[in-house]
Amino acid sequence: MRKFVLAAVAVAIAAGAVLAPSPAEAWWRGPGIFFFGPPIVIGPPVVYAPPPPVIYAPAPVYQPAPAYAAAQTCYAAAYICPLDQPTPVGGPCSCPTNQGRAYGRAR
């Protein structure tokens, strides 16, 4: 029984000496087991997961509306009249006459 008590006291003194903070190990305050060297932390492994890559979608490409010169006058046979709505140059148009409409081209 005496040997058991002496062994328990020796283990307690060794554990106290190992676990007592010293100036060289004062920086370490986390849990761990010390075997006369750097601390060995028991716990989950540290996993570093980099952020996902940033992918930029290209900007949408807008095509401008086809530019055309807007005609202002309709030439229909012997009749010339102003246009009431924008019409491209060379587009079909018509002018009012006493006998109906006369069809021609815008210029």
PDB file of N, CA and C in Angstrom:
ATOM      1  N   MET A   1       0.825  -1.188   0.000  1.00  0.00           N
ATOM      2  CA  MET A   1       0.000   0.000   0.000  1.00  0.00           C
ATOM      3  C   MET A   1       0.869   1.251   0.000  1.00  0.00           C
ATOM      4  N   ARG A   2       1.992   1.145   0.724  1.00  0.00           N
ATOM      5  CA  ARG A   2       2.886   2.294   0.802  1.00  0.00           C
ATOM      6  C   ARG A   2       3.468   2.622  -0.568  1.00  0.00           C
ATOM      7  N   LYS A   3       3.803   1.600  -1.360  1.00  0.00           N
ATOM      8  CA  LYS A   3       4.336   1.831  -2.704  1.00  0.00           C
ATOM      9  C   LYS A   3       3.287   2.519  -3.593  1.00  0.00           C
ATOM     10  N   PHE A   4       2.039   2.156  -3.431  1.00  0.00           N
ATOM     11  CA  PHE A   4       0.967   2.776  -4.214  1.00  0.00           C
ATOM     12  C   PHE A   4       0.822   4.257  -3.885  1.00  0.00           C
ATOM     13  N   VAL A   5       0.896   4.593  -2.611  1.00  0.00           N
ATOM     14  CA  VAL A   5       0.783   6.001  -2.191  1.00  0.00           C
ATOM     15  C   VAL A   5       1.974   6.787  -2.723  1.00  0.00           C
ATOM     16  N   LEU A   6       3.169   6.207  -2.617  1.00  0.00           N
ATOM     17  CA  LEU A   6       4.351   6.904  -3.132  1.00  0.00           C
ATOM     18  C   LEU A   6       4.265   7.095  -4.655  1.00  0.00           C
ATOM     19  N   ALA A   7       3.767   6.092  -5.365  1.00  0.00           N
ATOM     20  CA  ALA A   7       3.613   6.203  -6.817  1.00  0.00           C
ATOM     21  C   ALA A   7       2.583   7.276  -7.165  1.00  0.00           C
ATOM     22  N   ALA A   8       1.483   7.346  -6.408  1.00  0.00           N
ATOM     23  CA  ALA A   8       0.455   8.355  -6.659  1.00  0.00           C
ATOM     24  C   ALA A   8       0.988   9.748  -6.377  1.00  0.00           C
ATOM     25  N   VAL A   9       1.769   9.906  -5.317  1.00  0.00           N
ATOM     26  CA  VAL A   9       2.358  11.207  -5.006  1.00  0.00           C
ATOM     27  C   VAL A   9       3.358  11.604  -6.092  1.00  0.00           C
ATOM     28  N   ALA A  10       4.159  10.649  -6.556  1.00  0.00           N
ATOM     29  CA  ALA A  10       5.143  10.943  -7.606  1.00  0.00           C
ATOM     30  C   ALA A  10       4.446  11.359  -8.896  1.00  0.00           C
ATOM     31  N   VAL A  11       3.366  10.692  -9.225  1.00  0.00           N
ATOM     32  CA  VAL A  11       2.605  11.055 -10.432  1.00  0.00           C
ATOM     33  C   VAL A  11       1.988  12.428 -10.266  1.00  0.00           C
ATOM     34  N   ALA A  12       1.466  12.752  -9.097  1.00  0.00           N
ATOM     35  CA  ALA A  12       0.863  14.064  -8.862  1.00  0.00           C
ATOM     36  C   ALA A  12       1.909  15.165  -8.945  1.00  0.00           C
ATOM     37  N   ILE A  13       3.084  14.927  -8.397  1.00  0.00           N
ATOM     38  CA  ILE A  13       4.162  15.934  -8.473  1.00  0.00           C
ATOM     39  C   ILE A  13       4.608  16.108  -9.915  1.00  0.00           C
ATOM     40  N   ALA A  14       4.757  15.020 -10.665  1.00  0.00           N
ATOM     41  CA  ALA A  14       5.169  15.110 -12.071  1.00  0.00           C
ATOM     42  C   ALA A  14       4.105  15.826 -12.897  1.00  0.00           C
ATOM     43  N   ALA A  15       2.855  15.514 -12.622  1.00  0.00           N
ATOM     44  CA  ALA A  15       1.777  16.176 -13.367  1.00  0.00           C
ATOM     45  C   ALA A  15       1.722  17.655 -13.033  1.00  0.00           C
ATOM     46  N   GLY A  16       1.930  18.002 -11.764  1.00  0.00           N
ATOM     47  CA  GLY A  16       1.948  19.411 -11.375  1.00  0.00           C
ATOM     48  C   GLY A  16       3.103  20.149 -12.004  1.00  0.00           C
ATOM     49  N   ALA A  17       4.255  19.504 -12.092  1.00  0.00           N
ATOM     50  CA  ALA A  17       5.410  20.146 -12.713  1.00  0.00           C
ATOM     51  C   ALA A  17       5.209  20.330 -14.211  1.00  0.00           C
ATOM     52  N   VAL A  18       4.576  19.354 -14.836  1.00  0.00           N
ATOM     53  CA  VAL A  18       4.370  19.432 -16.284  1.00  0.00           C
ATOM     54  C   VAL A  18       3.268  20.432 -16.620  1.00  0.00           C
ATOM     55  N   LEU A  19       2.213  20.440 -15.831  1.00  0.00           N
ATOM     56  CA  LEU A  19       1.074  21.288 -16.149  1.00  0.00           C
ATOM     57  C   LEU A  19       1.195  22.711 -15.611  1.00  0.00           C
ATOM     58  N   ALA A  20       2.130  22.980 -14.739  1.00  0.00           N
ATOM     59  CA  ALA A  20       2.299  24.333 -14.203  1.00  0.00           C
ATOM     60  C   ALA A  20       2.846  25.239 -15.301  1.00  0.00           C
ATOM     61  N   PRO A  21       2.293  26.451 -15.430  1.00  0.00           N
ATOM     62  CA  PRO A  21       2.824  27.345 -16.459  1.00  0.00           C
ATOM     63  C   PRO A  21       4.219  27.819 -16.087  1.00  0.00           C
ATOM     64  N   SER A  22       5.046  27.904 -17.066  1.00  0.00           N
ATOM     65  CA  SER A  22       6.397  28.428 -16.875  1.00  0.00           C
ATOM     66  C   SER A  22       6.564  29.611 -17.820  1.00  0.00           C
ATOM     67  N   PRO A  23       7.585  30.439 -17.608  1.00  0.00           N
ATOM     68  CA  PRO A  23       7.752  31.607 -18.492  1.00  0.00           C
ATOM     69  C   PRO A  23       7.880  31.238 -19.964  1.00  0.00           C
ATOM     70  N   ALA A  24       8.462  30.102 -20.274  1.00  0.00           N
ATOM     71  CA  ALA A  24       8.640  29.717 -21.672  1.00  0.00           C
ATOM     72  C   ALA A  24       7.325  29.289 -22.301  1.00  0.00           C
ATOM     73  N   GLU A  25       6.386  28.792 -21.508  1.00  0.00           N
ATOM     74  CA  GLU A  25       5.124  28.318 -22.041  1.00  0.00           C
ATOM     75  C   GLU A  25       3.958  29.211 -21.635  1.00  0.00           C
ATOM     76  N   ALA A  26       4.246  30.414 -21.185  1.00  0.00           N
ATOM     77  CA  ALA A  26       3.199  31.301 -20.701  1.00  0.00           C
ATOM     78  C   ALA A  26       2.263  31.741 -21.823  1.00  0.00           C
ATOM     79  N   TRP A  27       2.708  31.685 -23.059  1.00  0.00           N
ATOM     80  CA  TRP A  27       1.871  32.106 -24.174  1.00  0.00           C
ATOM     81  C   TRP A  27       0.751  31.118 -24.453  1.00  0.00           C
ATOM     82  N   TRP A  28       0.905  29.888 -24.060  1.00  0.00           N
ATOM     83  CA  TRP A  28      -0.089  28.862 -24.389  1.00  0.00           C
ATOM     84  C   TRP A  28      -1.104  28.763 -23.261  1.00  0.00           C
ATOM     85  N   ARG A  29      -2.413  29.003 -23.613  1.00  0.00           N
ATOM     86  CA  ARG A  29      -3.463  28.919 -22.616  1.00  0.00           C
ATOM     87  C   ARG A  29      -4.557  27.927 -23.019  1.00  0.00           C
ATOM     88  N   GLY A  30      -4.371  27.226 -24.117  1.00  0.00           N
ATOM     89  CA  GLY A  30      -5.401  26.324 -24.592  1.00  0.00           C
ATOM     90  C   GLY A  30      -5.249  24.938 -23.997  1.00  0.00           C
ATOM     91  N   PRO A  31      -6.236  24.070 -24.257  1.00  0.00           N
ATOM     92  CA  PRO A  31      -6.148  22.708 -23.744  1.00  0.00           C
ATOM     93  C   PRO A  31      -5.114  21.917 -24.541  1.00  0.00           C
ATOM     94  N   GLY A  32      -4.553  20.932 -23.919  1.00  0.00           N
ATOM     95  CA  GLY A  32      -3.590  20.106 -24.632  1.00  0.00           C
ATOM     96  C   GLY A  32      -2.820  19.221 -23.678  1.00  0.00           C
ATOM     97  N   ILE A  33      -1.956  18.421 -24.232  1.00  0.00           N
ATOM     98  CA  ILE A  33      -1.113  17.529 -23.457  1.00  0.00           C
ATOM     99  C   ILE A  33       0.326  17.925 -23.746  1.00  0.00           C
ATOM    100  N   PHE A  34       1.118  18.086 -22.704  1.00  0.00           N
ATOM    101  CA  PHE A  34       2.496  18.533 -22.865  1.00  0.00           C
ATOM    102  C   PHE A  34       3.445  17.383 -22.529  1.00  0.00           C
ATOM    103  N   PHE A  35       4.299  17.055 -23.441  1.00  0.00           N
ATOM    104  CA  PHE A  35       5.340  16.059 -23.225  1.00  0.00           C
ATOM    105  C   PHE A  35       6.690  16.700 -23.500  1.00  0.00           C
ATOM    106  N   PHE A  36       7.052  17.692 -22.695  1.00  0.00           N
ATOM    107  CA  PHE A  36       8.343  18.352 -22.778  1.00  0.00           C
ATOM    108  C   PHE A  36       8.615  18.885 -24.181  1.00  0.00           C
ATOM    109  N   GLY A  37       7.631  19.445 -24.821  1.00  0.00           N
ATOM    110  CA  GLY A  37       7.795  19.998 -26.156  1.00  0.00           C
ATOM    111  C   GLY A  37       6.604  20.880 -26.492  1.00  0.00           C
ATOM    112  N   PRO A  38       6.359  21.111 -27.755  1.00  0.00           N
ATOM    113  CA  PRO A  38       5.220  21.951 -28.129  1.00  0.00           C
ATOM    114  C   PRO A  38       3.908  21.271 -27.750  1.00  0.00           C
ATOM    115  N   PRO A  39       2.872  22.049 -27.533  1.00  0.00           N
ATOM    116  CA  PRO A  39       1.603  21.456 -27.118  1.00  0.00           C
ATOM    117  C   PRO A  39       0.973  20.624 -28.237  1.00  0.00           C
ATOM    118  N   ILE A  40       0.360  19.555 -27.855  1.00  0.00           N
ATOM    119  CA  ILE A  40      -0.372  18.707 -28.792  1.00  0.00           C
ATOM    120  C   ILE A  40      -1.845  18.891 -28.459  1.00  0.00           C
ATOM    121  N   VAL A  41      -2.573  19.493 -29.329  1.00  0.00           N
ATOM    122  CA  VAL A  41      -3.980  19.794 -29.083  1.00  0.00           C
ATOM    123  C   VAL A  41      -4.819  18.623 -29.572  1.00  0.00           C
ATOM    124  N   ILE A  42      -5.702  18.181 -28.718  1.00  0.00           N
ATOM    125  CA  ILE A  42      -6.594  17.095 -29.085  1.00  0.00           C
ATOM    126  C   ILE A  42      -7.927  17.715 -29.477  1.00  0.00           C
ATOM    127  N   GLY A  43      -8.337  17.527 -30.689  1.00  0.00           N
ATOM    128  CA  GLY A  43      -9.581  18.096 -31.173  1.00  0.00           C
ATOM    129  C   GLY A  43      -9.699  17.892 -32.665  1.00  0.00           C
ATOM    130  N   PRO A  44     -10.707  18.495 -33.265  1.00  0.00           N
ATOM    131  CA  PRO A  44     -10.872  18.320 -34.714  1.00  0.00           C
ATOM    132  C   PRO A  44      -9.729  18.997 -35.461  1.00  0.00           C
ATOM    133  N   PRO A  45      -9.362  18.464 -36.612  1.00  0.00           N
ATOM    134  CA  PRO A  45      -8.281  19.079 -37.385  1.00  0.00           C
ATOM    135  C   PRO A  45      -8.716  20.431 -37.943  1.00  0.00           C
ATOM    136  N   VAL A  46      -7.758  21.292 -38.110  1.00  0.00           N
ATOM    137  CA  VAL A  46      -8.028  22.610 -38.677  1.00  0.00           C
ATOM    138  C   VAL A  46      -8.139  22.442 -40.192  1.00  0.00           C
ATOM    139  N   VAL A  47      -9.234  22.881 -40.734  1.00  0.00           N
ATOM    140  CA  VAL A  47      -9.473  22.746 -42.168  1.00  0.00           C
ATOM    141  C   VAL A  47      -9.557  24.137 -42.761  1.00  0.00           C
ATOM    142  N   TYR A  48      -8.781  24.376 -43.791  1.00  0.00           N
ATOM    143  CA  TYR A  48      -8.836  25.653 -44.492  1.00  0.00           C
ATOM    144  C   TYR A  48      -9.536  25.429 -45.819  1.00  0.00           C
ATOM    145  N   ALA A  49     -10.646  26.115 -46.000  1.00  0.00           N
ATOM    146  CA  ALA A  49     -11.382  26.032 -47.263  1.00  0.00           C
ATOM    147  C   ALA A  49     -11.327  27.407 -47.914  1.00  0.00           C
ATOM    148  N   PRO A  50     -10.645  27.534 -49.031  1.00  0.00           N
ATOM    149  CA  PRO A  50     -10.582  28.851 -49.678  1.00  0.00           C
ATOM    150  C   PRO A  50     -11.962  29.253 -50.192  1.00  0.00           C
ATOM    151  N   PRO A  51     -12.210  30.539 -50.311  1.00  0.00           N
ATOM    152  CA  PRO A  51     -13.505  30.976 -50.834  1.00  0.00           C
ATOM    153  C   PRO A  51     -13.662  30.556 -52.288  1.00  0.00           C
ATOM    154  N   PRO A  52     -14.889  30.449 -52.750  1.00  0.00           N
ATOM    155  CA  PRO A  52     -15.085  30.062 -54.149  1.00  0.00           C
ATOM    156  C   PRO A  52     -14.549  31.147 -55.071  1.00  0.00           C
ATOM    157  N   PRO A  53     -14.119  30.773 -56.267  1.00  0.00           N
ATOM    158  CA  PRO A  53     -13.593  31.790 -57.177  1.00  0.00           C
ATOM    159  C   PRO A  53     -14.697  32.746 -57.621  1.00  0.00           C
ATOM    160  N   VAL A  54     -14.300  33.964 -57.841  1.00  0.00           N
ATOM    161  CA  VAL A  54     -15.249  34.978 -58.286  1.00  0.00           C
ATOM    162  C   VAL A  54     -15.313  34.919 -59.804  1.00  0.00           C
ATOM    163  N   ILE A  55     -16.495  34.704 -60.306  1.00  0.00           N
ATOM    164  CA  ILE A  55     -16.685  34.619 -61.752  1.00  0.00           C
ATOM    165  C   ILE A  55     -17.588  35.762 -62.163  1.00  0.00           C
ATOM    166  N   TYR A  56     -17.082  36.592 -63.029  1.00  0.00           N
ATOM    167  CA  TYR A  56     -17.858  37.721 -63.505  1.00  0.00           C
ATOM    168  C   TYR A  56     -18.508  37.358 -64.845  1.00  0.00           C
ATOM    169  N   ALA A  57     -19.786  37.594 -64.937  1.00  0.00           N
ATOM    170  CA  ALA A  57     -20.487  37.359 -66.198  1.00  0.00           C
ATOM    171  C   ALA A  57     -20.205  38.543 -67.120  1.00  0.00           C
ATOM    172  N   PRO A  58     -20.009  38.286 -68.398  1.00  0.00           N
ATOM    173  CA  PRO A  58     -19.765  39.410 -69.295  1.00  0.00           C
ATOM    174  C   PRO A  58     -20.995  40.309 -69.387  1.00  0.00           C
ATOM    175  N   ALA A  59     -20.740  41.551 -69.603  1.00  0.00           N
ATOM    176  CA  ALA A  59     -21.833  42.509 -69.719  1.00  0.00           C
ATOM    177  C   ALA A  59     -22.645  42.207 -70.977  1.00  0.00           C
ATOM    178  N   PRO A  60     -23.950  42.385 -70.914  1.00  0.00           N
ATOM    179  CA  PRO A  60     -24.742  42.142 -72.122  1.00  0.00           C
ATOM    180  C   PRO A  60     -24.373  43.145 -73.208  1.00  0.00           C
ATOM    181  N   VAL A  61     -24.417  42.678 -74.417  1.00  0.00           N
ATOM    182  CA  VAL A  61     -24.076  43.521 -75.557  1.00  0.00           C
ATOM    183  C   VAL A  61     -25.373  44.012 -76.176  1.00  0.00           C
ATOM    184  N   TYR A  62     -25.518  45.286 -76.189  1.00  0.00           N
ATOM    185  CA  TYR A  62     -26.711  45.873 -76.766  1.00  0.00           C
ATOM    186  C   TYR A  62     -26.400  46.377 -78.169  1.00  0.00           C
ATOM    187  N   GLN A  63     -27.192  45.961 -79.109  1.00  0.00           N
ATOM    188  CA  GLN A  63     -27.039  46.434 -80.477  1.00  0.00           C
ATOM    189  C   GLN A  63     -27.948  47.641 -80.651  1.00  0.00           C
ATOM    190  N   PRO A  64     -27.404  48.728 -81.103  1.00  0.00           N
ATOM    191  CA  PRO A  64     -28.277  49.883 -81.314  1.00  0.00           C
ATOM    192  C   PRO A  64     -29.270  49.594 -82.434  1.00  0.00           C
ATOM    193  N   ALA A  65     -30.367  50.273 -82.369  1.00  0.00           N
ATOM    194  CA  ALA A  65     -31.374  50.122 -83.423  1.00  0.00           C
ATOM    195  C   ALA A  65     -30.756  50.563 -84.747  1.00  0.00           C
ATOM    196  N   PRO A  66     -31.132  49.912 -85.823  1.00  0.00           N
ATOM    197  CA  PRO A  66     -30.558  50.316 -87.110  1.00  0.00           C
ATOM    198  C   PRO A  66     -30.885  51.785 -87.402  1.00  0.00           C
ATOM    199  N   ALA A  67     -29.844  52.515 -87.697  1.00  0.00           N
ATOM    200  CA  ALA A  67     -30.039  53.942 -87.964  1.00  0.00           C
ATOM    201  C   ALA A  67     -30.455  54.135 -89.419  1.00  0.00           C
ATOM    202  N   TYR A  68     -31.482  54.838 -89.566  1.00  0.00           N
ATOM    203  CA  TYR A  68     -31.896  55.179 -90.922  1.00  0.00           C
ATOM    204  C   TYR A  68     -32.323  56.638 -90.911  1.00  0.00           C
ATOM    205  N   ALA A  69     -32.187  57.243 -92.056  1.00  0.00           N
ATOM    206  CA  ALA A  69     -32.599  58.642 -92.173  1.00  0.00           C
ATOM    207  C   ALA A  69     -34.112  58.690 -92.326  1.00  0.00           C
ATOM    208  N   ALA A  70     -34.725  59.489 -91.511  1.00  0.00           N
ATOM    209  CA  ALA A  70     -36.177  59.609 -91.590  1.00  0.00           C
ATOM    210  C   ALA A  70     -36.543  60.596 -92.693  1.00  0.00           C
ATOM    211  N   ALA A  71     -37.380  60.113 -93.578  1.00  0.00           N
ATOM    212  CA  ALA A  71     -37.835  60.984 -94.667  1.00  0.00           C
ATOM    213  C   ALA A  71     -38.923  61.915 -94.139  1.00  0.00           C
ATOM    214  N   GLN A  72     -39.074  63.041 -94.783  1.00  0.00           N
ATOM    215  CA  GLN A  72     -40.088  64.004 -94.363  1.00  0.00           C
ATOM    216  C   GLN A  72     -41.134  64.266 -95.439  1.00  0.00           C
ATOM    217  N   THR A  73     -40.865  63.797 -96.648  1.00  0.00           N
ATOM    218  CA  THR A  73     -41.757  64.103 -97.768  1.00  0.00           C
ATOM    219  C   THR A  73     -42.075  62.832 -98.539  1.00  0.00           C
ATOM    220  N   CYS A  74     -43.324  62.738 -99.022  1.00  0.00           N
ATOM    221  CA  CYS A  74     -43.748  61.606 -99.844  1.00  0.00           C
ATOM    222  C   CYS A  74     -43.963  62.095-101.279  1.00  0.00           C
ATOM    223  N   TYR A  75     -43.330  61.399-102.210  1.00  0.00           N
ATOM    224  CA  TYR A  75     -43.498  61.722-103.641  1.00  0.00           C
ATOM    225  C   TYR A  75     -44.331  60.607-104.253  1.00  0.00           C
ATOM    226  N   ALA A  76     -45.577  60.927-104.565  1.00  0.00           N
ATOM    227  CA  ALA A  76     -46.499  59.947-105.110  1.00  0.00           C
ATOM    228  C   ALA A  76     -47.007  60.472-106.453  1.00  0.00           C
ATOM    229  N   ALA A  77     -46.392  59.972-107.519  1.00  0.00           N
ATOM    230  CA  ALA A  77     -46.746  60.391-108.889  1.00  0.00           C
ATOM    231  C   ALA A  77     -46.657  61.916-108.989  1.00  0.00           C
ATOM    232  N   ALA A  78     -47.770  62.604-109.272  1.00  0.00           N
ATOM    233  CA  ALA A  78     -47.752  64.054-109.423  1.00  0.00           C
ATOM    234  C   ALA A  78     -47.982  64.761-108.099  1.00  0.00           C
ATOM    235  N   TYR A  79     -48.139  64.024-107.011  1.00  0.00           N
ATOM    236  CA  TYR A  79     -48.467  64.625-105.714  1.00  0.00           C
ATOM    237  C   TYR A  79     -47.246  64.568-104.786  1.00  0.00           C
ATOM    238  N   ILE A  80     -47.083  65.621-104.035  1.00  0.00           N
ATOM    239  CA  ILE A  80     -46.034  65.716-103.022  1.00  0.00           C
ATOM    240  C   ILE A  80     -46.715  66.169-101.741  1.00  0.00           C
ATOM    241  N   CYS A  81     -46.497  65.391-100.630  1.00  0.00           N
ATOM    242  CA  CYS A  81     -47.136  65.742 -99.361  1.00  0.00           C
ATOM    243  C   CYS A  81     -46.179  65.450 -98.210  1.00  0.00           C
ATOM    244  N   PRO A  82     -46.374  66.124 -97.078  1.00  0.00           N
ATOM    245  CA  PRO A  82     -45.540  65.822 -95.911  1.00  0.00           C
ATOM    246  C   PRO A  82     -45.985  64.499 -95.280  1.00  0.00           C
ATOM    247  N   LEU A  83     -45.039  63.807 -94.645  1.00  0.00           N
ATOM    248  CA  LEU A  83     -45.354  62.542 -93.969  1.00  0.00           C
ATOM    249  C   LEU A  83     -45.911  62.816 -92.581  1.00  0.00           C
ATOM    250  N   ASP A  84     -46.902  62.019 -92.170  1.00  0.00           N
ATOM    251  CA  ASP A  84     -47.488  62.195 -90.838  1.00  0.00           C
ATOM    252  C   ASP A  84     -46.808  61.301 -89.789  1.00  0.00           C
ATOM    253  N   GLN A  85     -45.954  60.332 -90.212  1.00  0.00           N
ATOM    254  CA  GLN A  85     -45.202  59.485 -89.293  1.00  0.00           C
ATOM    255  C   GLN A  85     -43.821  59.216 -89.880  1.00  0.00           C
ATOM    256  N   PRO A  86     -42.817  58.948 -89.056  1.00  0.00           N
ATOM    257  CA  PRO A  86     -41.481  58.714 -89.585  1.00  0.00           C
ATOM    258  C   PRO A  86     -41.443  57.487 -90.489  1.00  0.00           C
ATOM    259  N   THR A  87     -40.793  57.619 -91.588  1.00  0.00           N
ATOM    260  CA  THR A  87     -40.657  56.548 -92.578  1.00  0.00           C
ATOM    261  C   THR A  87     -39.231  56.576 -93.110  1.00  0.00           C
ATOM    262  N   PRO A  88     -38.578  55.424 -93.282  1.00  0.00           N
ATOM    263  CA  PRO A  88     -37.222  55.437 -93.820  1.00  0.00           C
ATOM    264  C   PRO A  88     -37.210  55.923 -95.267  1.00  0.00           C
ATOM    265  N   VAL A  89     -36.067  56.462 -95.656  1.00  0.00           N
ATOM    266  CA  VAL A  89     -35.924  56.945 -97.031  1.00  0.00           C
ATOM    267  C   VAL A  89     -36.111  55.763 -97.973  1.00  0.00           C
ATOM    268  N   GLY A  90     -36.929  55.929 -98.972  1.00  0.00           N
ATOM    269  CA  GLY A  90     -37.219  54.868 -99.935  1.00  0.00           C
ATOM    270  C   GLY A  90     -38.370  53.981 -99.519  1.00  0.00           C
ATOM    271  N   GLY A  91     -38.942  54.194 -98.334  1.00  0.00           N
ATOM    272  CA  GLY A  91     -40.057  53.384 -97.862  1.00  0.00           C
ATOM    273  C   GLY A  91     -41.357  53.787 -98.549  1.00  0.00           C
ATOM    274  N   PRO A  92     -42.353  52.903 -98.517  1.00  0.00           N
ATOM    275  CA  PRO A  92     -43.628  53.215 -99.169  1.00  0.00           C
ATOM    276  C   PRO A  92     -44.402  54.262 -98.375  1.00  0.00           C
ATOM    277  N   CYS A  93     -45.126  55.092 -99.095  1.00  0.00           N
ATOM    278  CA  CYS A  93     -45.968  56.104 -98.461  1.00  0.00           C
ATOM    279  C   CYS A  93     -47.120  56.430 -99.421  1.00  0.00           C
ATOM    280  N   SER A  94     -48.024  57.271 -98.960  1.00  0.00           N
ATOM    281  CA  SER A  94     -49.138  57.660 -99.829  1.00  0.00           C
ATOM    282  C   SER A  94     -49.556  59.082 -99.498  1.00  0.00           C
ATOM    283  N   CYS A  95     -50.118  59.741-100.502  1.00  0.00           N
ATOM    284  CA  CYS A  95     -50.621  61.096-100.336  1.00  0.00           C
ATOM    285  C   CYS A  95     -52.127  61.097-100.610  1.00  0.00           C
ATOM    286  N   PRO A  96     -52.890  61.882 -99.839  1.00  0.00           N
ATOM    287  CA  PRO A  96     -54.333  61.952-100.108  1.00  0.00           C
ATOM    288  C   PRO A  96     -54.607  62.793-101.359  1.00  0.00           C
ATOM    289  N   THR A  97     -55.572  62.345-102.139  1.00  0.00           N
ATOM    290  CA  THR A  97     -56.009  63.099-103.334  1.00  0.00           C
ATOM    291  C   THR A  97     -57.531  63.153-103.325  1.00  0.00           C
ATOM    292  N   ASN A  98     -58.129  63.858-104.290  1.00  0.00           N
ATOM    293  CA  ASN A  98     -59.582  63.928-104.392  1.00  0.00           C
ATOM    294  C   ASN A  98     -60.186  62.601-104.822  1.00  0.00           C
ATOM    295  N   GLN A  99     -59.445  61.739-105.496  1.00  0.00           N
ATOM    296  CA  GLN A  99     -59.953  60.475-105.973  1.00  0.00           C
ATOM    297  C   GLN A  99     -59.493  59.288-105.099  1.00  0.00           C
ATOM    298  N   GLY A 100     -58.875  59.512-103.953  1.00  0.00           N
ATOM    299  CA  GLY A 100     -58.363  58.436-103.086  1.00  0.00           C
ATOM    300  C   GLY A 100     -56.914  58.730-102.719  1.00  0.00           C
ATOM    301  N   ARG A 101     -56.174  57.712-102.525  1.00  0.00           N
ATOM    302  CA  ARG A 101     -54.775  57.883-102.137  1.00  0.00           C
ATOM    303  C   ARG A 101     -53.873  57.562-103.315  1.00  0.00           C
ATOM    304  N   ALA A 102     -52.793  58.332-103.425  1.00  0.00           N
ATOM    305  CA  ALA A 102     -51.771  58.095-104.449  1.00  0.00           C
ATOM    306  C   ALA A 102     -50.532  57.528-103.723  1.00  0.00           C
ATOM    307  N   TYR A 103     -50.031  56.402-104.194  1.00  0.00           N
ATOM    308  CA  TYR A 103     -48.928  55.728-103.532  1.00  0.00           C
ATOM    309  C   TYR A 103     -47.614  56.072-104.207  1.00  0.00           C
ATOM    310  N   GLY A 104     -46.585  56.207-103.358  1.00  0.00           N
ATOM    311  CA  GLY A 104     -45.269  56.551-103.884  1.00  0.00           C
ATOM    312  C   GLY A 104     -44.175  56.131-102.917  1.00  0.00           C
ATOM    313  N   ARG A 105     -43.040  56.846-102.972  1.00  0.00           N
ATOM    314  CA  ARG A 105     -41.876  56.530-102.135  1.00  0.00           C
ATOM    315  C   ARG A 105     -41.481  57.777-101.336  1.00  0.00           C
ATOM    316  N   ALA A 106     -41.001  57.538-100.102  1.00  0.00           N
ATOM    317  CA  ALA A 106     -40.571  58.651 -99.247  1.00  0.00           C
ATOM    318  C   ALA A 106     -39.143  59.060 -99.617  1.00  0.00           C
ATOM    319  N   ARG A 107     -38.899  60.389 -99.568  1.00  0.00           N
ATOM    320  CA  ARG A 107     -37.549  60.894 -99.793  1.00  0.00           C
ATOM    321  C   ARG A 107     -37.225  61.938 -98.776  1.00  0.00           C
TER     322      ARG A 107
END
